[in-house]
Amino acid sequence: MHSLIHQCPVCDHALHVTKLKCKQCHTTIENNFSLSKFATLSKDQLHFVEVFLVSRGNIKEVEKALDISYPTVRAKLNEVIARLGYENKEKDVNRNKEVIGLLESGEITLEKAMSLLKK
């Protein structure tokens, strides 16, 4: 079985589910169905969300479970929040500090840091 994709591989626009089928009795339902916002997350983002939830939002536990630094956890969390369509309410200053922390720890390159800081 394949994972559900949410973007058209040809034009990159959103895909819509139009058909559901029961594997047991073969009942088929056709209509326009909406997907959860979570369907737009990448596999890595879904894994991060799963670890975050199992850790009950404890960032120190997420750090340990994924073997990543605090700034990386914050960056991944902000990425998921943005992907779900919510504004990141943290100030740009905090984000810049996270990027600098990633750069200082060697987790990202100078080019990547510059790219992130420009956004």
N, C-alpha and C. Protein backbone atom coordinates (compact mmCIF):
# COMPACT_ATOMS: atom_id res chain seq x y z
N MET A 1 0.85 -1.18 0.00
CA MET A 1 0.00 0.00 0.00
C MET A 1 0.90 1.24 0.00
N HIS A 2 0.49 2.26 -0.71
CA HIS A 2 1.26 3.49 -0.83
C HIS A 2 0.77 4.54 0.16
N SER A 3 1.66 5.43 0.56
CA SER A 3 1.27 6.55 1.41
C SER A 3 0.48 7.55 0.57
N LEU A 4 -0.43 8.23 1.21
CA LEU A 4 -1.24 9.24 0.55
C LEU A 4 -0.38 10.45 0.23
N ILE A 5 -0.44 10.91 -1.01
CA ILE A 5 0.26 12.13 -1.37
C ILE A 5 -0.76 13.26 -1.39
N HIS A 6 -0.31 14.48 -1.18
CA HIS A 6 -1.24 15.60 -1.07
C HIS A 6 -1.02 16.66 -2.14
N GLN A 7 0.08 16.55 -2.89
CA GLN A 7 0.36 17.51 -3.94
C GLN A 7 0.54 16.79 -5.27
N CYS A 8 0.06 17.41 -6.34
CA CYS A 8 0.17 16.86 -7.68
C CYS A 8 1.65 16.80 -8.08
N PRO A 9 2.12 15.64 -8.52
CA PRO A 9 3.51 15.54 -8.92
C PRO A 9 3.81 16.26 -10.23
N VAL A 10 2.78 16.67 -10.96
CA VAL A 10 2.98 17.37 -12.23
C VAL A 10 3.00 18.88 -12.04
N CYS A 11 1.94 19.42 -11.37
CA CYS A 11 1.83 20.88 -11.27
C CYS A 11 1.99 21.41 -9.85
N ASP A 12 2.15 20.53 -8.86
CA ASP A 12 2.39 20.90 -7.47
C ASP A 12 1.19 21.53 -6.76
N HIS A 13 0.00 21.42 -7.34
CA HIS A 13 -1.20 21.91 -6.66
C HIS A 13 -1.76 20.83 -5.74
N ALA A 14 -2.67 21.23 -4.87
CA ALA A 14 -3.25 20.30 -3.89
C ALA A 14 -4.10 19.24 -4.59
N LEU A 15 -3.99 18.01 -4.11
CA LEU A 15 -4.83 16.92 -4.59
C LEU A 15 -6.02 16.77 -3.67
N HIS A 16 -7.13 16.25 -4.21
CA HIS A 16 -8.34 16.02 -3.42
C HIS A 16 -8.73 14.55 -3.51
N VAL A 17 -9.15 14.00 -2.41
CA VAL A 17 -9.61 12.62 -2.38
C VAL A 17 -11.04 12.59 -2.91
N THR A 18 -11.28 11.70 -3.87
CA THR A 18 -12.61 11.63 -4.46
C THR A 18 -13.23 10.24 -4.38
N LYS A 19 -12.46 9.26 -3.92
CA LYS A 19 -12.97 7.90 -3.89
C LYS A 19 -12.43 7.14 -2.69
N LEU A 20 -13.32 6.45 -1.98
CA LEU A 20 -12.94 5.60 -0.86
C LEU A 20 -13.49 4.21 -1.12
N LYS A 21 -12.71 3.19 -0.76
CA LYS A 21 -13.15 1.82 -1.01
C LYS A 21 -12.81 0.94 0.17
N CYS A 22 -13.76 0.12 0.59
CA CYS A 22 -13.56 -0.83 1.68
C CYS A 22 -12.84 -2.07 1.13
N LYS A 23 -11.74 -2.45 1.76
CA LYS A 23 -10.99 -3.62 1.32
C LYS A 23 -11.76 -4.92 1.60
N GLN A 24 -12.63 -4.89 2.61
CA GLN A 24 -13.34 -6.11 3.01
C GLN A 24 -14.52 -6.41 2.09
N CYS A 25 -15.46 -5.45 1.98
CA CYS A 25 -16.70 -5.72 1.22
C CYS A 25 -16.72 -5.03 -0.14
N HIS A 26 -15.69 -4.24 -0.43
CA HIS A 26 -15.54 -3.55 -1.72
C HIS A 26 -16.56 -2.44 -1.96
N THR A 27 -17.21 -1.98 -0.89
CA THR A 27 -18.09 -0.82 -1.02
C THR A 27 -17.24 0.36 -1.46
N THR A 28 -17.73 1.13 -2.43
CA THR A 28 -17.01 2.28 -2.92
C THR A 28 -17.86 3.53 -2.73
N ILE A 29 -17.26 4.57 -2.23
CA ILE A 29 -17.95 5.84 -2.01
C ILE A 29 -17.18 6.90 -2.79
N GLU A 30 -17.89 7.62 -3.65
CA GLU A 30 -17.25 8.69 -4.42
C GLU A 30 -17.88 10.02 -4.04
N ASN A 31 -17.02 11.00 -3.78
CA ASN A 31 -17.44 12.35 -3.41
C ASN A 31 -16.17 13.19 -3.33
N ASN A 32 -16.27 14.41 -2.89
CA ASN A 32 -15.09 15.23 -2.63
C ASN A 32 -14.86 15.23 -1.12
N PHE A 33 -13.75 14.65 -0.71
CA PHE A 33 -13.42 14.53 0.70
C PHE A 33 -12.25 15.45 1.03
N SER A 34 -12.32 16.07 2.20
CA SER A 34 -11.20 16.91 2.62
C SER A 34 -10.23 16.09 3.45
N LEU A 35 -8.98 16.49 3.39
CA LEU A 35 -7.94 15.82 4.17
C LEU A 35 -7.62 16.63 5.41
N SER A 36 -7.11 15.98 6.40
CA SER A 36 -6.64 16.64 7.60
C SER A 36 -5.43 17.50 7.25
N LYS A 37 -5.23 18.57 8.00
CA LYS A 37 -4.02 19.37 7.82
C LYS A 37 -2.77 18.53 8.00
N PHE A 38 -2.86 17.50 8.81
CA PHE A 38 -1.71 16.65 9.08
C PHE A 38 -1.30 15.84 7.85
N ALA A 39 -2.20 15.68 6.89
CA ALA A 39 -1.87 14.95 5.66
C ALA A 39 -0.85 15.69 4.82
N THR A 40 -0.67 16.98 5.09
CA THR A 40 0.30 17.77 4.32
C THR A 40 1.71 17.69 4.90
N LEU A 41 1.86 17.07 6.06
CA LEU A 41 3.18 16.96 6.68
C LEU A 41 4.00 15.86 6.01
N SER A 42 5.30 16.08 5.93
CA SER A 42 6.21 15.07 5.39
C SER A 42 6.33 13.92 6.40
N LYS A 43 6.93 12.81 5.96
CA LYS A 43 7.14 11.68 6.87
C LYS A 43 7.99 12.09 8.06
N ASP A 44 9.03 12.88 7.82
CA ASP A 44 9.90 13.34 8.90
C ASP A 44 9.13 14.23 9.87
N GLN A 45 8.28 15.11 9.34
CA GLN A 45 7.49 15.99 10.20
C GLN A 45 6.48 15.19 11.02
N LEU A 46 5.86 14.19 10.41
CA LEU A 46 4.92 13.34 11.16
C LEU A 46 5.64 12.57 12.26
N HIS A 47 6.83 12.08 11.96
CA HIS A 47 7.61 11.38 12.99
C HIS A 47 7.94 12.33 14.14
N PHE A 48 8.34 13.55 13.80
CA PHE A 48 8.65 14.54 14.84
C PHE A 48 7.41 14.80 15.71
N VAL A 49 6.24 14.98 15.08
CA VAL A 49 5.01 15.23 15.83
C VAL A 49 4.68 14.05 16.74
N GLU A 50 4.87 12.84 16.24
CA GLU A 50 4.62 11.65 17.05
C GLU A 50 5.52 11.62 18.28
N VAL A 51 6.82 11.87 18.08
CA VAL A 51 7.77 11.89 19.21
C VAL A 51 7.41 13.01 20.17
N PHE A 52 7.06 14.17 19.64
CA PHE A 52 6.69 15.32 20.46
C PHE A 52 5.47 14.99 21.34
N LEU A 53 4.47 14.34 20.75
CA LEU A 53 3.26 14.00 21.50
C LEU A 53 3.53 12.93 22.55
N VAL A 54 4.28 11.90 22.16
CA VAL A 54 4.61 10.83 23.12
C VAL A 54 5.41 11.40 24.28
N SER A 55 6.23 12.41 23.99
CA SER A 55 7.03 13.08 25.03
C SER A 55 6.22 14.12 25.80
N ARG A 56 4.93 14.23 25.46
CA ARG A 56 4.02 15.19 26.09
C ARG A 56 4.55 16.62 26.00
N GLY A 57 5.22 16.92 24.89
CA GLY A 57 5.71 18.27 24.66
C GLY A 57 6.96 18.63 25.43
N ASN A 58 7.55 17.67 26.10
CA ASN A 58 8.77 17.93 26.86
C ASN A 58 9.95 17.98 25.89
N ILE A 59 10.45 19.17 25.66
CA ILE A 59 11.49 19.36 24.65
C ILE A 59 12.76 18.60 24.99
N LYS A 60 13.11 18.51 26.27
CA LYS A 60 14.30 17.75 26.66
C LYS A 60 14.16 16.27 26.26
N GLU A 61 12.95 15.71 26.42
CA GLU A 61 12.73 14.32 26.03
C GLU A 61 12.79 14.16 24.51
N VAL A 62 12.28 15.16 23.78
CA VAL A 62 12.34 15.12 22.32
C VAL A 62 13.80 15.17 21.88
N GLU A 63 14.59 16.03 22.52
CA GLU A 63 16.03 16.12 22.21
C GLU A 63 16.69 14.74 22.33
N LYS A 64 16.40 14.06 23.45
CA LYS A 64 17.00 12.75 23.70
C LYS A 64 16.51 11.71 22.70
N ALA A 65 15.21 11.68 22.47
CA ALA A 65 14.62 10.67 21.59
C ALA A 65 15.12 10.80 20.15
N LEU A 66 15.30 12.01 19.69
CA LEU A 66 15.73 12.23 18.31
C LEU A 66 17.21 12.54 18.18
N ASP A 67 17.88 12.65 19.32
CA ASP A 67 19.31 12.98 19.36
C ASP A 67 19.61 14.26 18.57
N ILE A 68 18.84 15.30 18.91
CA ILE A 68 19.03 16.62 18.29
C ILE A 68 19.08 17.68 19.38
N SER A 69 19.57 18.85 19.02
CA SER A 69 19.73 19.93 20.00
C SER A 69 18.42 20.67 20.22
N TYR A 70 18.39 21.45 21.30
CA TYR A 70 17.23 22.29 21.61
C TYR A 70 16.86 23.20 20.44
N PRO A 71 17.82 23.93 19.83
CA PRO A 71 17.45 24.79 18.71
C PRO A 71 16.85 24.01 17.53
N THR A 72 17.32 22.80 17.32
CA THR A 72 16.78 21.99 16.24
C THR A 72 15.35 21.56 16.54
N VAL A 73 15.08 21.19 17.79
CA VAL A 73 13.71 20.84 18.19
C VAL A 73 12.79 22.03 17.95
N ARG A 74 13.21 23.21 18.39
CA ARG A 74 12.40 24.42 18.21
C ARG A 74 12.18 24.72 16.73
N ALA A 75 13.22 24.57 15.93
CA ALA A 75 13.10 24.83 14.50
C ALA A 75 12.13 23.86 13.84
N LYS A 76 12.22 22.59 14.20
CA LYS A 76 11.31 21.58 13.64
C LYS A 76 9.88 21.85 14.08
N LEU A 77 9.70 22.23 15.33
CA LEU A 77 8.35 22.55 15.83
C LEU A 77 7.78 23.74 15.09
N ASN A 78 8.58 24.77 14.90
CA ASN A 78 8.12 25.95 14.16
C ASN A 78 7.78 25.60 12.71
N GLU A 79 8.56 24.71 12.12
CA GLU A 79 8.31 24.27 10.75
C GLU A 79 6.96 23.56 10.64
N VAL A 80 6.67 22.68 11.60
CA VAL A 80 5.39 21.96 11.60
C VAL A 80 4.23 22.94 11.81
N ILE A 81 4.38 23.85 12.75
CA ILE A 81 3.34 24.85 13.01
C ILE A 81 3.04 25.65 11.75
N ALA A 82 4.08 26.07 11.06
CA ALA A 82 3.89 26.84 9.82
C ALA A 82 3.24 25.98 8.75
N ARG A 83 3.67 24.72 8.62
CA ARG A 83 3.11 23.82 7.59
C ARG A 83 1.63 23.57 7.82
N LEU A 84 1.21 23.58 9.10
CA LEU A 84 -0.20 23.38 9.43
C LEU A 84 -1.02 24.65 9.20
N GLY A 85 -0.34 25.73 8.85
CA GLY A 85 -1.05 26.95 8.49
C GLY A 85 -1.24 27.94 9.63
N TYR A 86 -0.52 27.75 10.71
CA TYR A 86 -0.65 28.66 11.85
C TYR A 86 0.53 29.63 11.86
N GLU A 87 0.24 30.83 12.26
CA GLU A 87 1.31 31.81 12.39
C GLU A 87 2.22 31.43 13.53
N ASN A 88 3.50 31.65 13.31
CA ASN A 88 4.45 31.45 14.38
C ASN A 88 4.48 32.74 15.18
N LYS A 89 4.00 32.70 16.40
CA LYS A 89 3.86 33.91 17.20
C LYS A 89 5.15 34.34 17.88
N GLU A 90 6.20 33.53 17.74
CA GLU A 90 7.47 33.93 18.34
C GLU A 90 8.07 35.07 17.54
N LYS A 91 8.80 35.89 18.20
CA LYS A 91 9.46 37.02 17.54
C LYS A 91 10.59 36.52 16.65
N ASP A 92 10.87 37.30 15.60
CA ASP A 92 11.96 36.96 14.69
C ASP A 92 13.29 36.85 15.44
N VAL A 93 13.42 37.59 16.50
CA VAL A 93 14.66 37.56 17.28
C VAL A 93 14.91 36.15 17.81
N ASN A 94 13.88 35.51 18.34
CA ASN A 94 14.04 34.16 18.87
C ASN A 94 14.41 33.17 17.76
N ARG A 95 13.79 33.34 16.61
CA ARG A 95 14.08 32.47 15.48
C ARG A 95 15.54 32.66 15.03
N ASN A 96 15.96 33.90 14.99
CA ASN A 96 17.33 34.18 14.60
C ASN A 96 18.32 33.55 15.58
N LYS A 97 18.00 33.59 16.87
CA LYS A 97 18.86 32.97 17.87
C LYS A 97 18.94 31.46 17.65
N GLU A 98 17.81 30.85 17.28
CA GLU A 98 17.80 29.41 17.01
C GLU A 98 18.69 29.08 15.83
N VAL A 99 18.58 29.87 14.76
CA VAL A 99 19.40 29.64 13.57
C VAL A 99 20.87 29.79 13.92
N ILE A 100 21.21 30.81 14.68
CA ILE A 100 22.60 31.02 15.08
C ILE A 100 23.09 29.86 15.94
N GLY A 101 22.21 29.36 16.82
CA GLY A 101 22.56 28.20 17.64
C GLY A 101 22.85 26.97 16.78
N LEU A 102 22.04 26.76 15.75
CA LEU A 102 22.26 25.64 14.84
C LEU A 102 23.59 25.79 14.11
N LEU A 103 23.88 27.02 13.70
CA LEU A 103 25.14 27.30 13.01
C LEU A 103 26.33 27.05 13.94
N GLU A 104 26.24 27.57 15.16
CA GLU A 104 27.34 27.41 16.13
C GLU A 104 27.59 25.95 16.48
N SER A 105 26.51 25.16 16.53
CA SER A 105 26.68 23.75 16.87
C SER A 105 27.11 22.91 15.68
N GLY A 106 27.19 23.54 14.50
CA GLY A 106 27.62 22.82 13.31
C GLY A 106 26.54 22.00 12.65
N GLU A 107 25.28 22.18 13.08
CA GLU A 107 24.18 21.39 12.51
C GLU A 107 23.73 21.90 11.15
N ILE A 108 24.03 23.17 10.84
CA ILE A 108 23.72 23.71 9.53
C ILE A 108 24.93 24.49 9.01
N THR A 109 24.97 24.68 7.71
CA THR A 109 26.07 25.43 7.11
C THR A 109 25.78 26.92 7.18
N LEU A 110 26.81 27.71 6.89
CA LEU A 110 26.65 29.15 6.85
C LEU A 110 25.63 29.54 5.78
N GLU A 111 25.69 28.88 4.63
CA GLU A 111 24.75 29.18 3.55
C GLU A 111 23.31 28.91 3.98
N LYS A 112 23.08 27.79 4.66
CA LYS A 112 21.73 27.45 5.14
C LYS A 112 21.28 28.48 6.18
N ALA A 113 22.18 28.88 7.07
CA ALA A 113 21.84 29.88 8.09
C ALA A 113 21.46 31.19 7.43
N MET A 114 22.22 31.61 6.44
CA MET A 114 21.90 32.87 5.73
C MET A 114 20.55 32.78 5.06
N SER A 115 20.27 31.64 4.47
CA SER A 115 18.98 31.43 3.81
C SER A 115 17.83 31.51 4.81
N LEU A 116 18.00 30.87 5.96
CA LEU A 116 16.97 30.89 7.00
C LEU A 116 16.77 32.28 7.57
N LEU A 117 17.85 33.02 7.74
CA LEU A 117 17.76 34.36 8.32
C LEU A 117 17.08 35.36 7.36
N LYS A 118 17.18 35.09 6.06
CA LYS A 118 16.56 35.98 5.08
C LYS A 118 15.05 35.81 5.03
N LYS A 119 14.54 34.65 5.46
CA LYS A 119 13.10 34.38 5.37
C LYS A 119 12.31 35.22 6.33
